Protein backbone atom coordinates (compact mmCIF):
# COMPACT_ATOMS: atom_id res chain seq x y z
CA MET A 1 8.23 -183.79 -164.79
CA THR A 2 8.56 -183.38 -161.05
CA ALA A 3 8.87 -179.91 -159.51
CA ASP A 4 12.56 -180.55 -158.77
CA ILE A 5 13.31 -181.45 -162.39
CA ILE A 6 11.37 -178.43 -163.67
CA ASP A 7 13.36 -176.12 -161.37
CA PHE A 8 16.65 -177.79 -162.38
CA ASP A 9 15.75 -177.52 -166.07
CA SER A 10 14.99 -173.81 -165.75
CA LYS A 11 18.25 -173.05 -163.94
CA ILE A 12 20.39 -175.10 -166.33
CA LYS A 13 18.81 -173.48 -169.39
CA THR A 14 19.02 -169.87 -168.16
CA ARG A 15 22.12 -169.55 -165.97
CA GLY A 16 23.84 -172.85 -166.80
CA TRP A 17 24.14 -174.26 -163.28
CA ALA A 18 22.21 -175.62 -160.31
CA LEU A 19 23.43 -176.05 -156.74
CA PHE A 20 22.25 -178.86 -154.45
CA PRO A 21 23.25 -177.90 -150.87
CA ASP A 22 24.17 -180.51 -148.25
CA SER A 23 23.53 -183.48 -150.55
CA LEU A 24 25.90 -186.03 -149.00
CA PRO A 25 26.22 -187.42 -145.47
CA ALA A 26 29.27 -186.39 -143.46
CA ASP A 27 30.80 -189.89 -143.37
CA LEU A 28 30.74 -190.20 -147.17
CA VAL A 29 32.22 -186.70 -147.52
CA ARG A 30 35.12 -187.70 -145.24
CA GLU A 31 35.76 -190.89 -147.24
CA LEU A 32 35.60 -189.08 -150.58
CA ARG A 33 37.97 -186.39 -149.31
CA ARG A 34 40.47 -188.99 -148.11
CA ASP A 35 40.32 -190.97 -151.35
CA SER A 36 40.50 -187.86 -153.54
CA LEU A 37 43.75 -186.85 -151.84
CA LYS A 38 45.00 -190.43 -152.26
CA TRP A 39 44.39 -190.26 -156.00
CA ILE A 40 46.08 -186.85 -156.22
CA ASP A 41 49.19 -188.42 -154.66
CA ILE A 42 49.02 -191.33 -157.13
CA CYS A 43 48.73 -188.97 -160.08
CA ALA A 44 51.52 -186.75 -158.76
CA GLY A 45 53.78 -189.81 -158.91
CA HIS A 46 52.92 -190.27 -162.60
CA GLN A 47 53.40 -186.57 -163.34
CA ILE A 48 56.84 -186.55 -161.69
CA ALA A 49 57.97 -189.84 -163.26
CA ASN A 50 57.02 -188.57 -166.73
CA LYS A 51 58.65 -185.16 -166.13
CA ILE A 52 55.38 -183.30 -166.58
CA ASN A 53 56.22 -181.27 -163.49
CA LEU A 54 58.47 -181.49 -160.45
CA ALA A 55 55.99 -182.09 -157.63
CA GLY A 56 52.48 -182.71 -159.00
CA ASP A 57 49.98 -179.94 -159.67
CA GLY A 58 47.43 -180.70 -156.95
CA THR A 59 45.04 -182.49 -159.29
CA GLY A 60 44.29 -186.10 -160.17
CA HIS A 61 42.65 -187.67 -163.19
CA ASN A 62 40.48 -190.70 -163.92
CA ALA A 63 40.18 -191.81 -160.29
CA ILE A 64 38.20 -194.95 -161.11
CA GLY A 65 38.76 -198.60 -160.23
CA GLY A 66 40.37 -198.26 -156.80
CA GLY A 67 37.55 -200.10 -155.03
CA ASP A 68 37.16 -197.05 -152.78
CA SER A 69 34.53 -194.46 -151.87
CA ILE A 70 34.72 -192.80 -155.31
CA ASP A 71 33.65 -196.05 -156.99
CA ALA A 72 30.91 -196.41 -154.35
CA PHE A 73 29.71 -192.83 -154.92
CA ILE A 74 29.46 -193.36 -158.66
CA ASP A 75 27.48 -196.57 -158.10
CA LEU A 76 24.90 -194.63 -156.07
CA HIS A 77 23.72 -192.67 -159.15
CA LEU A 78 22.31 -189.99 -156.88
CA PHE A 79 21.76 -187.49 -159.70
CA HIS A 80 20.70 -189.89 -162.42
CA PRO A 81 17.22 -188.31 -162.85
CA TYR A 82 18.79 -184.89 -163.51
CA LEU A 83 21.52 -186.22 -165.79
CA SER A 84 19.07 -188.38 -167.71
CA HIS A 85 16.77 -185.39 -168.21
CA PHE A 86 19.68 -183.22 -169.43
CA PHE A 87 20.55 -185.86 -172.03
CA SER A 88 16.91 -186.27 -173.14
CA CYS A 89 16.62 -189.66 -171.41
CA LYS A 90 19.24 -191.09 -173.78
CA PRO A 91 22.16 -193.26 -172.54
CA TYR A 92 25.10 -191.30 -171.14
CA ILE A 93 28.53 -192.22 -169.82
CA LEU A 94 31.17 -190.93 -167.42
CA HIS A 95 33.64 -188.76 -169.33
CA ALA A 96 36.00 -187.84 -166.48
CA CYS A 97 36.49 -188.27 -162.75
CA ASN A 98 39.13 -185.86 -161.51
CA PRO A 99 39.84 -184.88 -157.89
CA VAL A 100 41.22 -181.41 -157.15
CA GLY A 101 43.18 -180.74 -153.97
CA GLY A 102 42.72 -176.97 -153.73
CA PHE A 103 46.12 -176.70 -152.04
CA PRO A 104 46.95 -173.42 -150.27
CA ASN A 105 48.47 -170.76 -152.56
CA LEU A 106 48.96 -173.25 -155.42
CA VAL A 107 48.10 -172.02 -158.93
CA ASN A 108 47.42 -174.51 -161.74
CA TYR A 109 45.38 -174.84 -164.92
CA VAL A 110 41.99 -174.75 -163.14
CA HIS A 111 42.63 -171.11 -162.21
CA ARG A 112 42.37 -169.94 -165.82
CA VAL A 113 38.99 -168.96 -167.25
CA HIS A 114 37.94 -172.05 -169.20
CA ARG A 115 35.16 -174.41 -170.06
CA ASP A 116 35.50 -178.17 -170.10
CA VAL A 117 34.71 -178.91 -173.74
CA ALA A 118 36.72 -177.72 -176.73
CA THR A 119 33.82 -177.99 -179.20
CA TYR A 120 30.77 -175.74 -179.01
CA ILE A 121 27.56 -176.85 -180.72
CA PRO A 122 24.65 -174.45 -180.03
CA MET A 123 21.52 -176.05 -178.57
CA PHE A 124 23.26 -179.41 -178.07
CA ASN A 125 23.77 -180.75 -174.55
CA MET A 126 27.25 -182.14 -175.00
CA ARG A 127 28.36 -182.58 -171.42
CA MET A 128 27.37 -181.99 -167.80
CA ASN A 129 29.86 -181.26 -165.03
CA MET A 130 29.45 -182.29 -161.42
CA LEU A 131 31.48 -180.61 -158.68
CA VAL A 132 31.33 -182.37 -155.31
CA MET A 133 32.41 -180.09 -152.47
CA LEU A 134 34.45 -182.11 -149.97
CA ASP A 135 35.32 -179.07 -147.90
CA GLU A 136 33.30 -175.91 -147.40
CA PHE A 137 33.69 -173.61 -150.41
CA THR A 138 34.38 -170.04 -149.28
CA ILE A 139 35.79 -166.85 -150.81
CA GLU A 140 38.96 -167.31 -148.77
CA ASN A 141 39.70 -170.91 -149.77
CA GLY A 142 39.24 -170.55 -153.50
CA ALA A 143 35.60 -171.23 -154.37
CA THR A 144 34.88 -171.78 -158.06
CA ARG A 145 33.60 -168.73 -159.93
CA VAL A 146 31.10 -169.04 -162.79
CA LEU A 147 29.75 -166.59 -165.36
CA SER A 148 26.02 -167.30 -165.34
CA GLY A 149 24.52 -167.59 -168.81
CA SER A 150 27.90 -167.99 -170.49
CA HIS A 151 27.03 -171.53 -171.59
CA LEU A 152 25.18 -169.73 -174.40
CA MET A 153 28.36 -167.89 -175.53
CA SER A 154 30.31 -169.36 -178.42
CA GLU A 155 33.47 -167.37 -177.61
CA GLN A 156 35.45 -167.02 -174.41
CA PRO A 157 34.72 -163.85 -172.46
CA SER A 158 37.61 -161.53 -171.75
CA ASP A 159 39.16 -161.73 -168.29
CA GLU A 160 37.66 -158.32 -167.55
CA GLU A 161 34.19 -159.42 -168.63
CA PHE A 162 34.47 -162.58 -166.57
CA GLU A 163 35.64 -160.80 -163.42
CA ARG A 164 32.93 -158.17 -163.78
CA GLY A 165 30.06 -160.62 -164.24
CA SER A 166 31.08 -163.83 -162.48
CA GLU A 167 30.07 -165.01 -159.04
CA PRO A 168 31.53 -167.49 -156.53
CA ILE A 169 29.72 -170.74 -155.82
CA LEU A 170 29.70 -171.09 -152.04
CA GLY A 171 28.51 -174.12 -150.11
CA ALA A 172 29.01 -176.48 -147.23
CA ALA A 173 30.96 -179.71 -147.58
CA GLY A 174 28.69 -182.28 -149.20
CA SER A 175 27.04 -179.76 -151.52
CA ILE A 176 27.00 -180.59 -155.24
CA LEU A 177 27.07 -178.26 -158.22
CA LEU A 178 25.82 -179.43 -161.62
CA PHE A 179 26.64 -177.20 -164.57
CA ASN A 180 26.56 -177.27 -168.34
CA SER A 181 30.13 -177.94 -169.47
CA TYR A 182 29.88 -175.01 -171.90
CA LEU A 183 29.78 -172.69 -168.86
CA TRP A 184 32.86 -170.49 -168.52
CA HIS A 185 34.34 -170.81 -165.03
CA LYS A 186 37.57 -170.92 -163.05
CA GLY A 187 39.01 -171.82 -159.68
CA THR A 188 40.36 -169.08 -157.42
CA LEU A 189 43.37 -168.92 -155.13
CA ASN A 190 43.13 -170.66 -151.77
CA SER A 191 44.55 -168.06 -149.37
CA THR A 192 44.02 -170.20 -146.24
CA GLN A 193 46.34 -172.79 -144.75
CA GLU A 194 44.04 -175.76 -145.40
CA ASN A 195 43.19 -177.72 -148.53
CA ARG A 196 39.87 -177.11 -150.29
CA VAL A 197 39.21 -180.53 -151.79
CA ALA A 198 36.67 -181.29 -154.51
CA LEU A 199 35.78 -184.18 -156.78
CA THR A 200 34.94 -183.11 -160.32
CA LEU A 201 33.15 -185.41 -162.74
CA SER A 202 31.68 -184.98 -166.20
CA PHE A 203 29.07 -186.92 -168.11
CA GLY A 204 28.16 -186.99 -171.77
CA PRO A 205 26.58 -188.96 -174.62
CA ALA A 206 27.85 -192.51 -175.06
CA PHE A 207 29.08 -191.83 -178.60
CA ILE A 208 31.55 -189.11 -177.51
CA LYS A 209 34.93 -190.34 -176.30
CA PRO A 210 35.61 -190.11 -172.54
CA GLN A 211 38.99 -189.02 -171.15
CA MET A 212 39.77 -192.65 -170.27
CA ASP A 213 38.45 -195.96 -171.60
CA TYR A 214 37.11 -197.06 -168.22
CA ALA A 215 35.61 -200.32 -169.50
CA ARG A 216 38.91 -201.47 -171.01
CA MET A 217 40.78 -200.32 -167.92
CA LEU A 218 38.54 -202.24 -165.52
CA GLY A 219 38.12 -205.33 -167.70
CA GLU A 220 35.13 -207.58 -168.35
CA SER A 221 35.50 -209.68 -165.19
CA ARG A 222 35.16 -206.51 -163.08
CA GLY A 223 32.41 -205.28 -165.36
CA ARG A 224 30.28 -208.36 -164.73
CA GLN A 225 30.16 -207.41 -161.05
CA LEU A 226 28.61 -204.01 -161.78
CA SER A 227 24.95 -203.03 -161.89
CA GLU A 228 23.42 -202.43 -165.32
CA LEU A 229 23.34 -198.66 -164.78
CA THR A 230 26.97 -198.58 -163.63
CA ARG A 231 28.00 -200.68 -166.66
CA GLN A 232 26.29 -198.11 -168.83
CA LEU A 233 27.92 -195.21 -167.01
CA LEU A 234 31.43 -196.66 -167.27
CA GLY A 235 31.14 -197.33 -170.99
CA PHE A 236 30.71 -201.11 -171.08
CA ASN A 237 27.79 -200.67 -173.50
CA SER A 238 29.68 -198.43 -175.94
CA ARG A 239 33.06 -200.12 -176.40
CA VAL A 240 34.78 -199.94 -179.77
CA PRO A 241 36.00 -203.29 -181.18
CA VAL A 242 39.72 -203.58 -181.85
CA SER A 243 39.63 -206.68 -184.06
CA LEU A 244 37.35 -208.44 -186.52
CA ALA A 245 36.85 -211.16 -183.91
CA GLU A 246 35.39 -208.52 -181.59
CA TRP A 247 33.35 -206.98 -184.41
CA TYR A 248 31.70 -210.23 -185.51
CA LYS A 249 30.01 -211.05 -182.23
CA PRO A 250 26.49 -212.40 -181.79
CA LYS A 251 24.06 -209.56 -181.13
CA ALA A 252 23.82 -210.29 -177.40
CA GLU A 253 27.62 -210.13 -177.03
CA ARG A 254 28.36 -207.02 -179.08
CA LEU A 255 30.60 -204.44 -177.47
CA TYR A 256 28.71 -201.43 -178.86
CA LEU A 257 25.03 -201.88 -178.10
CA PRO A 258 22.39 -200.52 -180.50
CA ASN A 259 20.87 -197.80 -178.30
CA GLN A 260 24.06 -195.82 -177.65
CA GLY A 261 23.72 -193.26 -180.44
């Protein structure tokens, strides 16, 4: 292993997270921020139309397939060596791609102490979160707080325990936080007058269902335009057949490839 991977491995195993400061160029950060807010507006329209809320909650979900900077960022695979190591060099897929607006004085579900998987299996790396800071994360604008080491806890800490032991993750725009999805964390209130935008993604084994069936959503014609690693990431190699005609495919055309777990 390289020194970087050894350091990452140590941090992920002991405290549950690793911060990569200033990882993205300023022009990509600007594009990701713009497109994240675009997707939040799109998702607000769906939330309002389906009477989930009256004005959107400042978050978006499954922001894939727009042909924008988010698709381009995913296709870069900048953290593939770290993700691959976390998943023991086995195939993994994108489980979620959700922008968060961090709107001033807006409280939503991300402000509760939570972790991003409902099932806890000790010693099993089920999922890895990636938080892309698209604005500077500060105390004042609602930086994410994490309870280091809590990825080893099977039960949720009390609010008092979390507040006593947690710490804010601060960083410049373009910094990236990777953390074990078992880690207990929460967003905090943005008390400024400006948005604090982030793009949150999660990755996991190919045999665990993602939030959205990205391969079906994008379609095979779009899939053929993707690189092999991006096809893997978006689930094209772990699709579930929906008919006997799809099941009885020649080996080279099967929807669920043999190395996916």
